[in-house]
Amino acid sequence: MSKKYEDRTDVEKIQSNWKKLSGLYSRGEWSSSIVRAATAAEIASNLVVREELENTKGIDKPFVSHLMLWANGLQGKFQKLILPAVEGKNYAQTFKQLSNDIGEINRVRNGIVHSGKFADSEPAYQIIVKARTVILAFVCQYHPEFDLGEISKIEESHNKSMQPTVNVSAD
């Protein structure tokens, strides 16, 4: 039997969400796949915050949880918690370079969940690629063996969805 979701580690939650988004994308559920990609990226940001504040700096878990609620979302956690926590570290610049991708993921996700917007295959694919970049940069900093193997299914679905259809008429 698999673990309850709330009992999983951040890495396990990221992998579960990534697998789910792969299925959503392959079924043409573009908007839902974007929300899942953004969720997986936010869970990766949670991992960074916990690693930096709890494990490295020794800050109490309840206070770190409070800070994450206060920071509110992927972009808030990135700007208010992650960047200050990694300032001066050898990977700070790598994290800073994710800023535009994080902003785009956040903007598109918010358009879906707060305004009810819909997305097509191409924008969904682009957000998933950006989310993958963010997730791998964040998680691999602390878990170098981490990988997201499901991306190949998404690429196959994307390539298939982008191919023109041919209508053949029977005369």
C-alpha atoms as a PDB file:
ATOM      1  CA  MET A   1       0.000   0.000   0.000  1.00  0.00           C
ATOM      2  CA  SER A   2       1.331   3.463  -0.831  1.00  0.00           C
ATOM      3  CA  LYS A   3       1.878   6.205   1.730  1.00  0.00           C
ATOM      4  CA  LYS A   4      -0.846   8.744   2.424  1.00  0.00           C
ATOM      5  CA  TYR A   5      -0.066  11.946   0.570  1.00  0.00           C
ATOM      6  CA  GLU A   6       0.469  13.940   3.780  1.00  0.00           C
ATOM      7  CA  ASP A   7       3.020  11.356   4.984  1.00  0.00           C
ATOM      8  CA  ARG A   8       5.179  11.661   1.865  1.00  0.00           C
ATOM      9  CA  THR A   9       8.406  13.620   1.689  1.00  0.00           C
ATOM     10  CA  ASP A  10       8.599  16.706  -0.504  1.00  0.00           C
ATOM     11  CA  VAL A  11      10.530  14.675  -3.083  1.00  0.00           C
ATOM     12  CA  GLU A  12       7.795  12.022  -3.132  1.00  0.00           C
ATOM     13  CA  LYS A  13       5.105  14.704  -3.438  1.00  0.00           C
ATOM     14  CA  ILE A  14       6.931  16.293  -6.382  1.00  0.00           C
ATOM     15  CA  GLN A  15       7.187  12.915  -8.108  1.00  0.00           C
ATOM     16  CA  SER A  16       3.480  12.191  -7.499  1.00  0.00           C
ATOM     17  CA  ASN A  17       2.438  15.556  -8.901  1.00  0.00           C
ATOM     18  CA  TRP A  18       4.750  15.146 -11.881  1.00  0.00           C
ATOM     19  CA  LYS A  19       3.285  11.754 -12.699  1.00  0.00           C
ATOM     20  CA  LYS A  20      -0.229  13.189 -12.387  1.00  0.00           C
ATOM     21  CA  LEU A  21       0.559  16.133 -14.663  1.00  0.00           C
ATOM     22  CA  SER A  22       1.987  13.768 -17.261  1.00  0.00           C
ATOM     23  CA  GLY A  23      -1.334  11.947 -17.411  1.00  0.00           C
ATOM     24  CA  LEU A  24      -3.305  15.184 -17.513  1.00  0.00           C
ATOM     25  CA  TYR A  25      -1.174  16.540 -20.345  1.00  0.00           C
ATOM     26  CA  SER A  26      -1.374  13.323 -22.360  1.00  0.00           C
ATOM     27  CA  ARG A  27      -5.203  13.493 -22.114  1.00  0.00           C
ATOM     28  CA  GLY A  28      -5.269  17.073 -23.357  1.00  0.00           C
ATOM     29  CA  GLU A  29      -6.107  18.609 -19.993  1.00  0.00           C
ATOM     30  CA  TRP A  30      -3.757  21.533 -20.570  1.00  0.00           C
ATOM     31  CA  SER A  31      -4.920  23.902 -17.835  1.00  0.00           C
ATOM     32  CA  SER A  32      -4.930  21.191 -15.181  1.00  0.00           C
ATOM     33  CA  SER A  33      -1.439  20.108 -16.197  1.00  0.00           C
ATOM     34  CA  ILE A  34      -0.222  23.694 -15.721  1.00  0.00           C
ATOM     35  CA  VAL A  35      -1.688  23.835 -12.222  1.00  0.00           C
ATOM     36  CA  ARG A  36      -0.017  20.504 -11.364  1.00  0.00           C
ATOM     37  CA  ALA A  37       3.321  21.711 -12.763  1.00  0.00           C
ATOM     38  CA  ALA A  38       3.082  24.885 -10.674  1.00  0.00           C
ATOM     39  CA  THR A  39       2.175  22.801  -7.621  1.00  0.00           C
ATOM     40  CA  ALA A  40       5.193  20.561  -8.118  1.00  0.00           C
ATOM     41  CA  ALA A  41       7.418  23.646  -8.482  1.00  0.00           C
ATOM     42  CA  GLU A  42       5.985  25.128  -5.284  1.00  0.00           C
ATOM     43  CA  ILE A  43       6.629  21.882  -3.414  1.00  0.00           C
ATOM     44  CA  ALA A  44      10.219  22.081  -4.675  1.00  0.00           C
ATOM     45  CA  SER A  45      10.388  25.598  -3.223  1.00  0.00           C
ATOM     46  CA  ASN A  46       9.121  24.185   0.091  1.00  0.00           C
ATOM     47  CA  LEU A  47      11.991  21.706   0.001  1.00  0.00           C
ATOM     48  CA  VAL A  48      14.515  24.530  -0.491  1.00  0.00           C
ATOM     49  CA  VAL A  49      13.023  26.575   2.347  1.00  0.00           C
ATOM     50  CA  ARG A  50      13.115  23.585   4.698  1.00  0.00           C
ATOM     51  CA  GLU A  51      16.672  22.664   3.721  1.00  0.00           C
ATOM     52  CA  GLU A  52      17.943  26.208   4.139  1.00  0.00           C
ATOM     53  CA  LEU A  53      15.998  27.350   7.189  1.00  0.00           C
ATOM     54  CA  GLU A  54      15.359  24.182   9.190  1.00  0.00           C
ATOM     55  CA  ASN A  55      18.316  21.967   8.299  1.00  0.00           C
ATOM     56  CA  THR A  56      21.060  24.541   7.658  1.00  0.00           C
ATOM     57  CA  LYS A  57      20.083  27.392   9.963  1.00  0.00           C
ATOM     58  CA  GLY A  58      18.302  25.306  12.626  1.00  0.00           C
ATOM     59  CA  ILE A  59      15.087  27.337  12.675  1.00  0.00           C
ATOM     60  CA  ASP A  60      12.132  25.587  14.322  1.00  0.00           C
ATOM     61  CA  LYS A  61       9.838  23.670  11.967  1.00  0.00           C
ATOM     62  CA  PRO A  62       6.609  25.410  13.126  1.00  0.00           C
ATOM     63  CA  PHE A  63       8.145  28.834  12.499  1.00  0.00           C
ATOM     64  CA  VAL A  64       9.382  27.793   9.046  1.00  0.00           C
ATOM     65  CA  SER A  65       5.873  26.513   8.248  1.00  0.00           C
ATOM     66  CA  HIS A  66       4.480  29.878   9.361  1.00  0.00           C
ATOM     67  CA  LEU A  67       6.959  31.708   7.116  1.00  0.00           C
ATOM     68  CA  MET A  68       5.943  29.588   4.131  1.00  0.00           C
ATOM     69  CA  LEU A  69       2.265  30.431   4.674  1.00  0.00           C
ATOM     70  CA  TRP A  70       3.176  34.104   5.019  1.00  0.00           C
ATOM     71  CA  ALA A  71       5.272  34.074   1.843  1.00  0.00           C
ATOM     72  CA  ASN A  72       2.249  32.699  -0.056  1.00  0.00           C
ATOM     73  CA  GLY A  73       2.978  30.765  -3.218  1.00  0.00           C
ATOM     74  CA  LEU A  74       5.907  29.917  -5.431  1.00  0.00           C
ATOM     75  CA  GLN A  75       6.904  33.472  -6.256  1.00  0.00           C
ATOM     76  CA  GLY A  76       6.492  34.713  -2.689  1.00  0.00           C
ATOM     77  CA  LYS A  77       8.571  31.859  -1.269  1.00  0.00           C
ATOM     78  CA  PHE A  78      11.200  32.460  -3.926  1.00  0.00           C
ATOM     79  CA  GLN A  79      11.495  36.208  -3.375  1.00  0.00           C
ATOM     80  CA  LYS A  80      10.902  36.425   0.383  1.00  0.00           C
ATOM     81  CA  LEU A  81      12.522  33.232   1.670  1.00  0.00           C
ATOM     82  CA  ILE A  82      14.714  31.410  -0.832  1.00  0.00           C
ATOM     83  CA  LEU A  83      16.743  34.272  -2.298  1.00  0.00           C
ATOM     84  CA  PRO A  84      17.591  35.768   1.117  1.00  0.00           C
ATOM     85  CA  ALA A  85      18.402  32.308   2.525  1.00  0.00           C
ATOM     86  CA  VAL A  86      20.866  31.420  -0.243  1.00  0.00           C
ATOM     87  CA  GLU A  87      22.493  34.856  -0.571  1.00  0.00           C
ATOM     88  CA  GLY A  88      26.269  34.430  -0.697  1.00  0.00           C
ATOM     89  CA  LYS A  89      26.167  30.700  -1.391  1.00  0.00           C
ATOM     90  CA  ASN A  90      27.782  29.234  -4.494  1.00  0.00           C
ATOM     91  CA  TYR A  91      24.379  28.315  -5.972  1.00  0.00           C
ATOM     92  CA  ALA A  92      22.661  31.656  -5.283  1.00  0.00           C
ATOM     93  CA  GLN A  93      23.215  32.841  -8.863  1.00  0.00           C
ATOM     94  CA  THR A  94      21.790  29.596 -10.272  1.00  0.00           C
ATOM     95  CA  PHE A  95      18.652  30.152  -8.204  1.00  0.00           C
ATOM     96  CA  LYS A  96      18.439  33.855  -9.182  1.00  0.00           C
ATOM     97  CA  GLN A  97      18.449  32.853 -12.855  1.00  0.00           C
ATOM     98  CA  LEU A  98      15.159  31.026 -12.269  1.00  0.00           C
ATOM     99  CA  SER A  99      13.337  34.274 -11.514  1.00  0.00           C
ATOM    100  CA  ASN A 100      11.769  34.769 -14.958  1.00  0.00           C
ATOM    101  CA  ASP A 101      10.607  31.156 -15.190  1.00  0.00           C
ATOM    102  CA  ILE A 102       9.109  31.335 -11.703  1.00  0.00           C
ATOM    103  CA  GLY A 103       7.329  34.583 -12.577  1.00  0.00           C
ATOM    104  CA  GLU A 104       5.878  33.053 -15.738  1.00  0.00           C
ATOM    105  CA  ILE A 105       4.762  29.855 -13.984  1.00  0.00           C
ATOM    106  CA  ASN A 106       3.098  31.945 -11.292  1.00  0.00           C
ATOM    107  CA  ARG A 107       1.404  34.319 -13.775  1.00  0.00           C
ATOM    108  CA  VAL A 108      -0.052  31.555 -15.943  1.00  0.00           C
ATOM    109  CA  ARG A 109      -1.122  29.416 -12.971  1.00  0.00           C
ATOM    110  CA  ASN A 110      -2.843  32.390 -11.344  1.00  0.00           C
ATOM    111  CA  GLY A 111      -4.667  33.182 -14.584  1.00  0.00           C
ATOM    112  CA  ILE A 112      -6.129  29.685 -14.526  1.00  0.00           C
ATOM    113  CA  VAL A 113      -7.026  29.374 -10.842  1.00  0.00           C
ATOM    114  CA  HIS A 114      -8.062  32.975 -10.140  1.00  0.00           C
ATOM    115  CA  SER A 115      -9.577  34.080 -13.467  1.00  0.00           C
ATOM    116  CA  GLY A 116     -10.726  30.791 -14.966  1.00  0.00           C
ATOM    117  CA  LYS A 117      -8.518  31.103 -18.057  1.00  0.00           C
ATOM    118  CA  PHE A 118      -7.873  28.099 -20.267  1.00  0.00           C
ATOM    119  CA  ALA A 119      -4.637  27.003 -21.898  1.00  0.00           C
ATOM    120  CA  ASP A 120      -3.739  25.083 -25.042  1.00  0.00           C
ATOM    121  CA  SER A 121      -1.055  22.486 -25.617  1.00  0.00           C
ATOM    122  CA  GLU A 122       1.796  24.870 -26.432  1.00  0.00           C
ATOM    123  CA  PRO A 123       1.486  27.202 -23.410  1.00  0.00           C
ATOM    124  CA  ALA A 124       1.027  24.159 -21.164  1.00  0.00           C
ATOM    125  CA  TYR A 125       4.119  22.544 -22.619  1.00  0.00           C
ATOM    126  CA  GLN A 126       6.164  25.727 -22.120  1.00  0.00           C
ATOM    127  CA  ILE A 127       5.088  26.058 -18.471  1.00  0.00           C
ATOM    128  CA  ILE A 128       5.815  22.373 -17.820  1.00  0.00           C
ATOM    129  CA  VAL A 129       9.327  22.796 -19.269  1.00  0.00           C
ATOM    130  CA  LYS A 130       9.893  25.880 -17.083  1.00  0.00           C
ATOM    131  CA  ALA A 131       8.552  24.053 -14.014  1.00  0.00           C
ATOM    132  CA  ARG A 132      10.848  21.122 -14.740  1.00  0.00           C
ATOM    133  CA  THR A 133      13.835  23.482 -14.918  1.00  0.00           C
ATOM    134  CA  VAL A 134      12.917  25.069 -11.583  1.00  0.00           C
ATOM    135  CA  ILE A 135      12.226  21.748  -9.873  1.00  0.00           C
ATOM    136  CA  LEU A 136      15.468  20.158 -11.033  1.00  0.00           C
ATOM    137  CA  ALA A 137      17.539  23.203 -10.041  1.00  0.00           C
ATOM    138  CA  PHE A 138      15.972  23.349  -6.591  1.00  0.00           C
ATOM    139  CA  VAL A 139      15.805  19.666  -5.724  1.00  0.00           C
ATOM    140  CA  CYS A 140      19.120  18.569  -7.248  1.00  0.00           C
ATOM    141  CA  GLN A 141      20.918  21.132  -5.084  1.00  0.00           C
ATOM    142  CA  TYR A 142      20.019  18.988  -2.056  1.00  0.00           C
ATOM    143  CA  HIS A 143      19.294  15.599  -3.675  1.00  0.00           C
ATOM    144  CA  PRO A 144      21.735  15.272  -6.620  1.00  0.00           C
ATOM    145  CA  GLU A 145      20.287  11.903  -7.690  1.00  0.00           C
ATOM    146  CA  PHE A 146      16.783  13.353  -8.177  1.00  0.00           C
ATOM    147  CA  ASP A 147      15.213  13.100 -11.634  1.00  0.00           C
ATOM    148  CA  LEU A 148      11.852  13.655 -13.286  1.00  0.00           C
ATOM    149  CA  GLY A 149      11.544  10.743 -15.683  1.00  0.00           C
ATOM    150  CA  GLU A 150       8.005  11.498 -16.818  1.00  0.00           C
ATOM    151  CA  ILE A 151       8.987  14.383 -19.107  1.00  0.00           C
ATOM    152  CA  SER A 152       9.408  12.020 -22.083  1.00  0.00           C
ATOM    153  CA  LYS A 153       5.704  11.171 -22.035  1.00  0.00           C
ATOM    154  CA  ILE A 154       4.897  14.863 -22.039  1.00  0.00           C
ATOM    155  CA  GLU A 155       7.232  15.524 -24.953  1.00  0.00           C
ATOM    156  CA  GLU A 156       5.662  12.650 -26.907  1.00  0.00           C
ATOM    157  CA  SER A 157       2.162  13.990 -26.219  1.00  0.00           C
ATOM    158  CA  HIS A 158       3.280  17.504 -27.126  1.00  0.00           C
ATOM    159  CA  ASN A 159       4.802  16.393 -30.417  1.00  0.00           C
ATOM    160  CA  LYS A 160       1.687  14.377 -31.252  1.00  0.00           C
ATOM    161  CA  SER A 161      -0.648  17.271 -30.416  1.00  0.00           C
ATOM    162  CA  MET A 162       1.364  19.652 -32.593  1.00  0.00           C
ATOM    163  CA  GLN A 163       1.167  17.472 -35.708  1.00  0.00           C
ATOM    164  CA  PRO A 164      -1.370  18.540 -38.324  1.00  0.00           C
ATOM    165  CA  THR A 165      -4.270  16.259 -38.901  1.00  0.00           C
ATOM    166  CA  VAL A 166      -5.068  15.094 -42.390  1.00  0.00           C
ATOM    167  CA  ASN A 167      -8.652  14.756 -43.513  1.00  0.00           C
ATOM    168  CA  VAL A 168      -9.117  12.114 -46.153  1.00  0.00           C
ATOM    169  CA  SER A 169     -12.427  12.084 -47.904  1.00  0.00           C
ATOM    170  CA  ALA A 170     -13.871   8.882 -49.260  1.00  0.00           C
ATOM    171  CA  ASP A 171     -15.065   9.428 -52.830  1.00  0.00           C
END
